[in-house]
Amino acid sequence: MIIYSDNKRNHVIIPGREKELENFLNSSYKGVKHKLKNSYSSNSEDAITWSCFDIISQLPDIKKITALNEIIEHSFCGNDMKQQMPFSFENEEKIEIKIGKNYKGFSIKEETEVDASIETSNRLIFFEAKLYSSISLKDDSKPYDQIAKKIRVGVDCATKEQKEFYFIFLDIAPRDILYAFSDEKKSKEKAMSPPKKKWKSVWWFNWYKNGWRSSLKPLENILVGIDHRFQTVESVSKNMGWLTWSDLFKITMRGML
């Protein structure tokens, strides 16, 4: 890990966007300016998230739509890239890219800060970004783990606005590769128990997307109490995607050419 003496070295800044970066770093969540605190560290997920998504947000419309479509393609179309994309941004209106926005539920009294999000007239997309860390799990002070929290608030907000909700997990490797590093794959008994290391992110993602033996009961359980008439458990599961940093980097760089 590198600790930079100047946090600007830790971010990719388009000329003229310095003030936007300053506002981003000085924003707080529940009174804590964690982005500013971590902005000097090369391990900062916020720094790399801001660098990629801010660049994409400033691309000309044609390039921006191409980049966003590639993000959806990589997140949902599998290794062979032959599956049909769930939608195209060419058909979306009022496209806005948000970084570090705080979302508050409507039918539930919950809120969450989202690493990056895309809002259109028809859809709401949440990105949960992880670099070297893993998700935080539920405990006595938190009734839901990080993935469940994002899905609960996202589904609630999207339903209120009559939009379709999508959740994309952003991590260092594809799901199957990342899960292969986990010892939990060795036996059925171990597989039923969440791992304790970084690989727990993919374990919990799989748990909510497919459940054990393809049951959607775990996802159904975390949606209890939420007004999700505009969504179904099946549609929420279908709209959970996985993206890697390497794909996002290449998409961002292609957009800049």
C-alpha atoms as a PDB file:
ATOM      1  CA  MET A   1       0.000   0.000   0.000  1.00  0.00           C
ATOM      2  CA  ILE A   2       1.229   3.485  -0.890  1.00  0.00           C
ATOM      3  CA  ILE A   3       0.338   6.572   1.114  1.00  0.00           C
ATOM      4  CA  TYR A   4       0.603   9.570  -1.183  1.00  0.00           C
ATOM      5  CA  SER A   5       1.707  12.955   0.121  1.00  0.00           C
ATOM      6  CA  ASP A   6      -0.784  14.567  -2.297  1.00  0.00           C
ATOM      7  CA  ASN A   7      -4.155  12.881  -2.715  1.00  0.00           C
ATOM      8  CA  LYS A   8      -4.412  14.231  -6.256  1.00  0.00           C
ATOM      9  CA  ARG A   9      -1.822  11.595  -7.173  1.00  0.00           C
ATOM     10  CA  ASN A  10      -4.371   9.012  -6.108  1.00  0.00           C
ATOM     11  CA  HIS A  11      -7.100  10.190  -8.498  1.00  0.00           C
ATOM     12  CA  VAL A  12      -7.465  10.669 -12.241  1.00  0.00           C
ATOM     13  CA  ILE A  13      -8.730  14.219 -12.621  1.00  0.00           C
ATOM     14  CA  ILE A  14     -10.065  15.673 -15.843  1.00  0.00           C
ATOM     15  CA  PRO A  15      -8.932  19.325 -16.135  1.00  0.00           C
ATOM     16  CA  GLY A  16     -11.737  21.467 -14.790  1.00  0.00           C
ATOM     17  CA  ARG A  17     -13.089  18.766 -12.460  1.00  0.00           C
ATOM     18  CA  GLU A  18     -10.906  19.660  -9.477  1.00  0.00           C
ATOM     19  CA  LYS A  19     -13.780  21.304  -7.605  1.00  0.00           C
ATOM     20  CA  GLU A  20     -16.008  18.258  -8.138  1.00  0.00           C
ATOM     21  CA  LEU A  21     -13.299  16.034  -6.660  1.00  0.00           C
ATOM     22  CA  GLU A  22     -12.936  18.365  -3.683  1.00  0.00           C
ATOM     23  CA  ASN A  23     -16.694  18.244  -3.070  1.00  0.00           C
ATOM     24  CA  PHE A  24     -16.654  14.444  -3.358  1.00  0.00           C
ATOM     25  CA  LEU A  25     -13.781  14.035  -0.890  1.00  0.00           C
ATOM     26  CA  ASN A  26     -15.337  16.413   1.631  1.00  0.00           C
ATOM     27  CA  SER A  27     -18.750  14.784   1.554  1.00  0.00           C
ATOM     28  CA  SER A  28     -19.693  12.865   4.676  1.00  0.00           C
ATOM     29  CA  TYR A  29     -21.853   9.905   5.586  1.00  0.00           C
ATOM     30  CA  LYS A  30     -23.382   9.922   9.049  1.00  0.00           C
ATOM     31  CA  GLY A  31     -20.993  12.706  10.007  1.00  0.00           C
ATOM     32  CA  VAL A  32     -17.784  10.951   8.935  1.00  0.00           C
ATOM     33  CA  LYS A  33     -15.617  12.180   6.042  1.00  0.00           C
ATOM     34  CA  HIS A  34     -14.259   8.720   5.256  1.00  0.00           C
ATOM     35  CA  LYS A  35     -13.488   9.561   1.605  1.00  0.00           C
ATOM     36  CA  LEU A  36     -11.127  12.372   2.608  1.00  0.00           C
ATOM     37  CA  LYS A  37      -9.549  10.205   5.289  1.00  0.00           C
ATOM     38  CA  ASN A  38      -8.753   7.417   2.824  1.00  0.00           C
ATOM     39  CA  SER A  39      -7.979   9.620  -0.176  1.00  0.00           C
ATOM     40  CA  TYR A  40      -4.200   9.338   0.268  1.00  0.00           C
ATOM     41  CA  SER A  41      -4.154   5.533   0.297  1.00  0.00           C
ATOM     42  CA  SER A  42      -3.580   3.506  -2.891  1.00  0.00           C
ATOM     43  CA  ASN A  43      -6.025   0.957  -1.412  1.00  0.00           C
ATOM     44  CA  SER A  44      -8.882   3.466  -1.533  1.00  0.00           C
ATOM     45  CA  GLU A  45     -11.929   2.054  -3.309  1.00  0.00           C
ATOM     46  CA  ASP A  46     -13.450   5.525  -3.410  1.00  0.00           C
ATOM     47  CA  ALA A  47     -10.453   6.947  -5.286  1.00  0.00           C
ATOM     48  CA  ILE A  48     -10.549   4.375  -8.043  1.00  0.00           C
ATOM     49  CA  THR A  49     -14.347   4.452  -8.251  1.00  0.00           C
ATOM     50  CA  TRP A  50     -14.392   8.225  -8.625  1.00  0.00           C
ATOM     51  CA  SER A  51     -11.599   8.160 -11.209  1.00  0.00           C
ATOM     52  CA  CYS A  52     -13.412   5.716 -13.505  1.00  0.00           C
ATOM     53  CA  PHE A  53     -17.004   6.863 -13.158  1.00  0.00           C
ATOM     54  CA  ASP A  54     -16.228  10.588 -13.239  1.00  0.00           C
ATOM     55  CA  ILE A  55     -14.382  10.129 -16.537  1.00  0.00           C
ATOM     56  CA  ILE A  56     -17.290   8.188 -18.007  1.00  0.00           C
ATOM     57  CA  SER A  57     -19.752  10.842 -16.803  1.00  0.00           C
ATOM     58  CA  GLN A  58     -17.847  13.507 -18.758  1.00  0.00           C
ATOM     59  CA  LEU A  59     -17.614  11.623 -22.052  1.00  0.00           C
ATOM     60  CA  PRO A  60     -19.548  12.902 -25.078  1.00  0.00           C
ATOM     61  CA  ASP A  61     -23.008  11.335 -25.199  1.00  0.00           C
ATOM     62  CA  ILE A  62     -22.189   8.814 -27.936  1.00  0.00           C
ATOM     63  CA  LYS A  63     -19.069   7.570 -26.143  1.00  0.00           C
ATOM     64  CA  LYS A  64     -20.822   7.637 -22.777  1.00  0.00           C
ATOM     65  CA  ILE A  65     -23.656   5.425 -24.047  1.00  0.00           C
ATOM     66  CA  THR A  66     -21.126   3.028 -25.597  1.00  0.00           C
ATOM     67  CA  ALA A  67     -19.199   2.815 -22.299  1.00  0.00           C
ATOM     68  CA  LEU A  68     -22.339   2.259 -20.229  1.00  0.00           C
ATOM     69  CA  ASN A  69     -23.582  -0.409 -22.627  1.00  0.00           C
ATOM     70  CA  GLU A  70     -20.245  -2.205 -22.315  1.00  0.00           C
ATOM     71  CA  ILE A  71     -20.562  -2.096 -18.519  1.00  0.00           C
ATOM     72  CA  ILE A  72     -23.969  -3.758 -18.744  1.00  0.00           C
ATOM     73  CA  GLU A  73     -22.696  -6.274 -21.280  1.00  0.00           C
ATOM     74  CA  HIS A  74     -19.750  -7.323 -19.097  1.00  0.00           C
ATOM     75  CA  SER A  75     -21.918  -7.423 -15.969  1.00  0.00           C
ATOM     76  CA  PHE A  76     -24.739  -9.581 -17.327  1.00  0.00           C
ATOM     77  CA  CYS A  77     -23.777 -11.385 -20.514  1.00  0.00           C
ATOM     78  CA  GLY A  78     -21.443 -14.065 -19.148  1.00  0.00           C
ATOM     79  CA  ASN A  79     -18.010 -15.232 -20.217  1.00  0.00           C
ATOM     80  CA  ASP A  80     -18.915 -15.881 -23.846  1.00  0.00           C
ATOM     81  CA  MET A  81     -20.596 -12.467 -24.240  1.00  0.00           C
ATOM     82  CA  LYS A  82     -23.278 -14.126 -26.392  1.00  0.00           C
ATOM     83  CA  GLN A  83     -26.188 -13.504 -24.074  1.00  0.00           C
ATOM     84  CA  GLN A  84     -28.564 -10.693 -24.885  1.00  0.00           C
ATOM     85  CA  MET A  85     -28.105  -7.498 -22.920  1.00  0.00           C
ATOM     86  CA  PRO A  86     -31.004  -6.765 -20.542  1.00  0.00           C
ATOM     87  CA  PHE A  87     -31.323  -3.262 -21.999  1.00  0.00           C
ATOM     88  CA  SER A  88     -29.432  -0.609 -23.968  1.00  0.00           C
ATOM     89  CA  PHE A  89     -28.699   2.927 -22.835  1.00  0.00           C
ATOM     90  CA  GLU A  90     -29.537   4.067 -26.356  1.00  0.00           C
ATOM     91  CA  ASN A  91     -33.159   3.658 -25.302  1.00  0.00           C
ATOM     92  CA  GLU A  92     -32.757   5.436 -21.959  1.00  0.00           C
ATOM     93  CA  GLU A  93     -33.498   9.084 -21.188  1.00  0.00           C
ATOM     94  CA  LYS A  94     -32.144  11.451 -18.516  1.00  0.00           C
ATOM     95  CA  ILE A  95     -28.980   9.417 -17.870  1.00  0.00           C
ATOM     96  CA  GLU A  96     -27.133  10.593 -14.754  1.00  0.00           C
ATOM     97  CA  ILE A  97     -24.039   9.066 -13.154  1.00  0.00           C
ATOM     98  CA  LYS A  98     -23.734   9.604  -9.393  1.00  0.00           C
ATOM     99  CA  ILE A  99     -20.697   8.857  -7.222  1.00  0.00           C
ATOM    100  CA  GLY A 100     -21.072   8.435  -3.485  1.00  0.00           C
ATOM    101  CA  LYS A 101     -24.736   9.455  -3.380  1.00  0.00           C
ATOM    102  CA  ASN A 102     -26.770   8.782  -0.258  1.00  0.00           C
ATOM    103  CA  TYR A 103     -30.107   7.041  -0.895  1.00  0.00           C
ATOM    104  CA  LYS A 104     -32.944   6.880   1.632  1.00  0.00           C
ATOM    105  CA  GLY A 105     -35.727   4.333   1.629  1.00  0.00           C
ATOM    106  CA  PHE A 106     -39.411   5.223   1.431  1.00  0.00           C
ATOM    107  CA  SER A 107     -41.323   2.269   2.842  1.00  0.00           C
ATOM    108  CA  ILE A 108     -38.358   1.400   5.084  1.00  0.00           C
ATOM    109  CA  LYS A 109     -36.450   3.745   7.379  1.00  0.00           C
ATOM    110  CA  GLU A 110     -33.050   2.824   6.008  1.00  0.00           C
ATOM    111  CA  GLU A 111     -30.383   4.661   4.079  1.00  0.00           C
ATOM    112  CA  THR A 112     -27.126   3.751   2.394  1.00  0.00           C
ATOM    113  CA  GLU A 113     -24.270   5.456   0.615  1.00  0.00           C
ATOM    114  CA  VAL A 114     -23.742   3.955  -2.843  1.00  0.00           C
ATOM    115  CA  ASP A 115     -20.243   3.859  -4.357  1.00  0.00           C
ATOM    116  CA  ALA A 116     -21.576   4.644  -7.828  1.00  0.00           C
ATOM    117  CA  SER A 117     -25.034   4.675  -9.334  1.00  0.00           C
ATOM    118  CA  ILE A 118     -26.723   5.350 -12.639  1.00  0.00           C
ATOM    119  CA  GLU A 119     -30.161   6.913 -12.761  1.00  0.00           C
ATOM    120  CA  THR A 120     -32.337   7.074 -15.880  1.00  0.00           C
ATOM    121  CA  SER A 121     -36.006   7.752 -16.435  1.00  0.00           C
ATOM    122  CA  ASN A 122     -36.666   3.987 -16.329  1.00  0.00           C
ATOM    123  CA  ARG A 123     -33.892   2.408 -14.264  1.00  0.00           C
ATOM    124  CA  LEU A 124     -31.852   2.716 -11.078  1.00  0.00           C
ATOM    125  CA  ILE A 125     -28.493   0.913 -10.975  1.00  0.00           C
ATOM    126  CA  PHE A 126     -26.383   0.533  -7.817  1.00  0.00           C
ATOM    127  CA  PHE A 127     -22.679  -0.387  -7.874  1.00  0.00           C
ATOM    128  CA  GLU A 128     -20.988  -1.847  -4.798  1.00  0.00           C
ATOM    129  CA  ALA A 129     -17.228  -1.481  -5.323  1.00  0.00           C
ATOM    130  CA  LYS A 130     -14.605  -3.569  -3.532  1.00  0.00           C
ATOM    131  CA  LEU A 131     -10.875  -3.607  -4.173  1.00  0.00           C
ATOM    132  CA  TYR A 132      -8.884  -5.438  -1.497  1.00  0.00           C
ATOM    133  CA  SER A 133     -11.534  -5.478   1.202  1.00  0.00           C
ATOM    134  CA  SER A 134     -14.648  -7.589   1.501  1.00  0.00           C
ATOM    135  CA  ILE A 135     -18.218  -6.753   2.421  1.00  0.00           C
ATOM    136  CA  SER A 136     -19.182  -5.951   5.980  1.00  0.00           C
ATOM    137  CA  LEU A 137     -21.521  -8.494   7.536  1.00  0.00           C
ATOM    138  CA  LYS A 138     -24.493  -7.966   9.808  1.00  0.00           C
ATOM    139  CA  ASP A 139     -23.907  -7.704  13.546  1.00  0.00           C
ATOM    140  CA  ASP A 140     -25.629  -6.359  16.643  1.00  0.00           C
ATOM    141  CA  SER A 141     -25.551  -2.817  15.234  1.00  0.00           C
ATOM    142  CA  LYS A 142     -26.300  -3.748  11.604  1.00  0.00           C
ATOM    143  CA  PRO A 143     -29.290  -6.042  10.840  1.00  0.00           C
ATOM    144  CA  TYR A 144     -28.174  -6.557   7.214  1.00  0.00           C
ATOM    145  CA  ASP A 145     -24.895  -7.245   5.440  1.00  0.00           C
ATOM    146  CA  GLN A 146     -23.618  -4.745   2.866  1.00  0.00           C
ATOM    147  CA  ILE A 147     -25.129  -6.459  -0.186  1.00  0.00           C
ATOM    148  CA  ALA A 148     -28.525  -6.937   1.454  1.00  0.00           C
ATOM    149  CA  LYS A 149     -28.555  -3.307   2.595  1.00  0.00           C
ATOM    150  CA  LYS A 150     -27.905  -2.008  -0.925  1.00  0.00           C
ATOM    151  CA  ILE A 151     -30.569  -4.264  -2.442  1.00  0.00           C
ATOM    152  CA  ARG A 152     -33.186  -3.330   0.181  1.00  0.00           C
ATOM    153  CA  VAL A 153     -32.744   0.420  -0.224  1.00  0.00           C
ATOM    154  CA  GLY A 154     -32.311   0.178  -4.006  1.00  0.00           C
ATOM    155  CA  VAL A 155     -35.473  -1.841  -4.549  1.00  0.00           C
ATOM    156  CA  ASP A 156     -37.412   0.490  -2.258  1.00  0.00           C
ATOM    157  CA  CYS A 157     -36.197   3.659  -4.019  1.00  0.00           C
ATOM    158  CA  ALA A 158     -36.719   2.201  -7.495  1.00  0.00           C
ATOM    159  CA  THR A 159     -40.247   1.052  -6.672  1.00  0.00           C
ATOM    160  CA  LYS A 160     -41.200   4.481  -5.333  1.00  0.00           C
ATOM    161  CA  GLU A 161     -40.014   6.062  -8.599  1.00  0.00           C
ATOM    162  CA  GLN A 162     -41.535   3.259 -10.712  1.00  0.00           C
ATOM    163  CA  LYS A 163     -38.143   2.228 -12.034  1.00  0.00           C
ATOM    164  CA  GLU A 164     -36.474  -1.125 -12.551  1.00  0.00           C
ATOM    165  CA  PHE A 165     -33.642  -1.837 -10.098  1.00  0.00           C
ATOM    166  CA  TYR A 166     -30.236  -3.315 -10.960  1.00  0.00           C
ATOM    167  CA  PHE A 167     -27.390  -4.200  -8.599  1.00  0.00           C
ATOM    168  CA  ILE A 168     -23.809  -4.645  -9.871  1.00  0.00           C
ATOM    169  CA  PHE A 169     -20.959  -5.863  -7.682  1.00  0.00           C
ATOM    170  CA  LEU A 170     -17.552  -4.531  -8.750  1.00  0.00           C
ATOM    171  CA  ASP A 171     -14.531  -6.573  -7.645  1.00  0.00           C
ATOM    172  CA  ILE A 172     -11.075  -7.719  -8.702  1.00  0.00           C
ATOM    173  CA  ALA A 173     -11.997 -10.973 -10.478  1.00  0.00           C
ATOM    174  CA  PRO A 174     -14.940 -12.825 -12.051  1.00  0.00           C
ATOM    175  CA  ARG A 175     -17.264 -14.654  -9.677  1.00  0.00           C
ATOM    176  CA  ASP A 176     -16.113 -18.156 -10.611  1.00  0.00           C
ATOM    177  CA  ILE A 177     -12.421 -17.261 -10.339  1.00  0.00           C
ATOM    178  CA  LEU A 178     -12.840 -15.447  -7.048  1.00  0.00           C
ATOM    179  CA  TYR A 179     -14.910 -18.241  -5.546  1.00  0.00           C
ATOM    180  CA  ALA A 180     -12.317 -20.822  -6.611  1.00  0.00           C
ATOM    181  CA  PHE A 181      -9.906 -19.307  -4.083  1.00  0.00           C
ATOM    182  CA  SER A 182     -12.299 -20.018  -1.249  1.00  0.00           C
ATOM    183  CA  ASP A 183     -11.842 -23.152   0.837  1.00  0.00           C
ATOM    184  CA  GLU A 184     -15.615 -23.174   1.214  1.00  0.00           C
ATOM    185  CA  LYS A 185     -15.894 -24.958  -2.129  1.00  0.00           C
ATOM    186  CA  LYS A 186     -14.276 -28.117  -0.788  1.00  0.00           C
ATOM    187  CA  SER A 187     -17.371 -29.673   0.715  1.00  0.00           C
ATOM    188  CA  LYS A 188     -21.103 -29.191   0.870  1.00  0.00           C
ATOM    189  CA  GLU A 189     -20.929 -28.630   4.614  1.00  0.00           C
ATOM    190  CA  LYS A 190     -18.352 -25.862   4.233  1.00  0.00           C
ATOM    191  CA  ALA A 191     -20.170 -24.354   1.279  1.00  0.00           C
ATOM    192  CA  MET A 192     -23.219 -23.815   3.476  1.00  0.00           C
ATOM    193  CA  SER A 193     -21.119 -21.677   5.833  1.00  0.00           C
ATOM    194  CA  PRO A 194     -19.969 -18.214   4.732  1.00  0.00           C
ATOM    195  CA  PRO A 195     -16.178 -17.785   4.398  1.00  0.00           C
ATOM    196  CA  LYS A 196     -14.393 -15.374   6.703  1.00  0.00           C
ATOM    197  CA  LYS A 197     -11.969 -13.835   4.176  1.00  0.00           C
ATOM    198  CA  LYS A 198     -12.332 -11.533   1.170  1.00  0.00           C
ATOM    199  CA  TRP A 199     -14.027 -14.286  -0.801  1.00  0.00           C
ATOM    200  CA  LYS A 200     -17.127 -13.887   1.368  1.00  0.00           C
ATOM    201  CA  SER A 201     -18.249 -11.139  -1.049  1.00  0.00           C
ATOM    202  CA  VAL A 202     -18.879 -13.613  -3.865  1.00  0.00           C
ATOM    203  CA  TRP A 203     -20.358 -16.152  -1.443  1.00  0.00           C
ATOM    204  CA  TRP A 204     -23.012 -13.702  -0.248  1.00  0.00           C
ATOM    205  CA  PHE A 205     -23.611 -12.396  -3.768  1.00  0.00           C
ATOM    206  CA  ASN A 206     -24.291 -15.969  -4.917  1.00  0.00           C
ATOM    207  CA  TRP A 207     -26.461 -16.553  -1.855  1.00  0.00           C
ATOM    208  CA  TYR A 208     -28.812 -13.729  -2.767  1.00  0.00           C
ATOM    209  CA  LYS A 209     -28.720 -14.221  -6.522  1.00  0.00           C
ATOM    210  CA  ASN A 210     -29.252 -17.987  -6.508  1.00  0.00           C
ATOM    211  CA  GLY A 211     -29.594 -19.073  -2.905  1.00  0.00           C
ATOM    212  CA  TRP A 212     -28.598 -22.581  -1.928  1.00  0.00           C
ATOM    213  CA  ARG A 213     -29.605 -25.069  -4.635  1.00  0.00           C
ATOM    214  CA  SER A 214     -31.003 -22.198  -6.740  1.00  0.00           C
ATOM    215  CA  SER A 215     -33.611 -21.238  -4.166  1.00  0.00           C
ATOM    216  CA  LEU A 216     -34.467 -17.526  -4.021  1.00  0.00           C
ATOM    217  CA  LYS A 217     -35.573 -17.784  -0.394  1.00  0.00           C
ATOM    218  CA  PRO A 218     -32.568 -15.807   0.941  1.00  0.00           C
ATOM    219  CA  LEU A 219     -33.380 -12.914  -1.376  1.00  0.00           C
ATOM    220  CA  GLU A 220     -37.054 -13.214  -0.521  1.00  0.00           C
ATOM    221  CA  ASN A 221     -36.196 -12.958   3.167  1.00  0.00           C
ATOM    222  CA  ILE A 222     -34.238  -9.707   2.863  1.00  0.00           C
ATOM    223  CA  LEU A 223     -37.036  -8.066   0.872  1.00  0.00           C
ATOM    224  CA  VAL A 224     -39.559  -8.599   3.668  1.00  0.00           C
ATOM    225  CA  GLY A 225     -41.179  -5.328   4.685  1.00  0.00           C
ATOM    226  CA  ILE A 226     -40.326  -3.526   1.446  1.00  0.00           C
ATOM    227  CA  ASP A 227     -42.938  -2.232  -0.950  1.00  0.00           C
ATOM    228  CA  HIS A 228     -41.597  -3.839  -4.144  1.00  0.00           C
ATOM    229  CA  ARG A 229     -44.692  -4.040  -6.321  1.00  0.00           C
ATOM    230  CA  PHE A 230     -42.700  -2.771  -9.272  1.00  0.00           C
ATOM    231  CA  GLN A 231     -40.136  -5.576  -8.772  1.00  0.00           C
ATOM    232  CA  THR A 232     -40.344  -9.291  -8.117  1.00  0.00           C
ATOM    233  CA  VAL A 233     -37.904 -11.536  -6.310  1.00  0.00           C
ATOM    234  CA  GLU A 234     -37.147 -13.163  -9.670  1.00  0.00           C
ATOM    235  CA  SER A 235     -36.514  -9.838 -11.404  1.00  0.00           C
ATOM    236  CA  VAL A 236     -34.237  -8.603  -8.609  1.00  0.00           C
ATOM    237  CA  SER A 237     -32.207 -11.815  -8.837  1.00  0.00           C
ATOM    238  CA  LYS A 238     -32.041 -11.566 -12.623  1.00  0.00           C
ATOM    239  CA  ASN A 239     -30.849  -7.965 -12.345  1.00  0.00           C
ATOM    240  CA  MET A 240     -27.850  -8.769 -10.127  1.00  0.00           C
ATOM    241  CA  GLY A 241     -24.625  -8.528 -12.122  1.00  0.00           C
ATOM    242  CA  TRP A 242     -20.888  -8.843 -11.544  1.00  0.00           C
ATOM    243  CA  LEU A 243     -18.205  -6.570 -13.039  1.00  0.00           C
ATOM    244  CA  THR A 244     -14.405  -6.654 -12.716  1.00  0.00           C
ATOM    245  CA  TRP A 245     -12.093  -3.691 -12.301  1.00  0.00           C
ATOM    246  CA  SER A 246     -10.047  -4.732 -15.335  1.00  0.00           C
ATOM    247  CA  ASP A 247     -13.136  -4.584 -17.546  1.00  0.00           C
ATOM    248  CA  LEU A 248     -14.106  -1.197 -16.105  1.00  0.00           C
ATOM    249  CA  PHE A 249     -10.562   0.136 -16.671  1.00  0.00           C
ATOM    250  CA  LYS A 250     -10.573  -0.930 -20.310  1.00  0.00           C
ATOM    251  CA  ILE A 251     -14.056   0.466 -20.879  1.00  0.00           C
ATOM    252  CA  THR A 252     -12.966   3.795 -19.353  1.00  0.00           C
ATOM    253  CA  MET A 253      -9.780   3.994 -21.415  1.00  0.00           C
ATOM    254  CA  ARG A 254     -11.582   3.107 -24.650  1.00  0.00           C
ATOM    255  CA  GLY A 255     -14.029   5.909 -23.970  1.00  0.00           C
ATOM    256  CA  MET A 256     -11.155   8.397 -23.700  1.00  0.00           C
ATOM    257  CA  LEU A 257      -9.633   7.485 -27.091  1.00  0.00           C
END
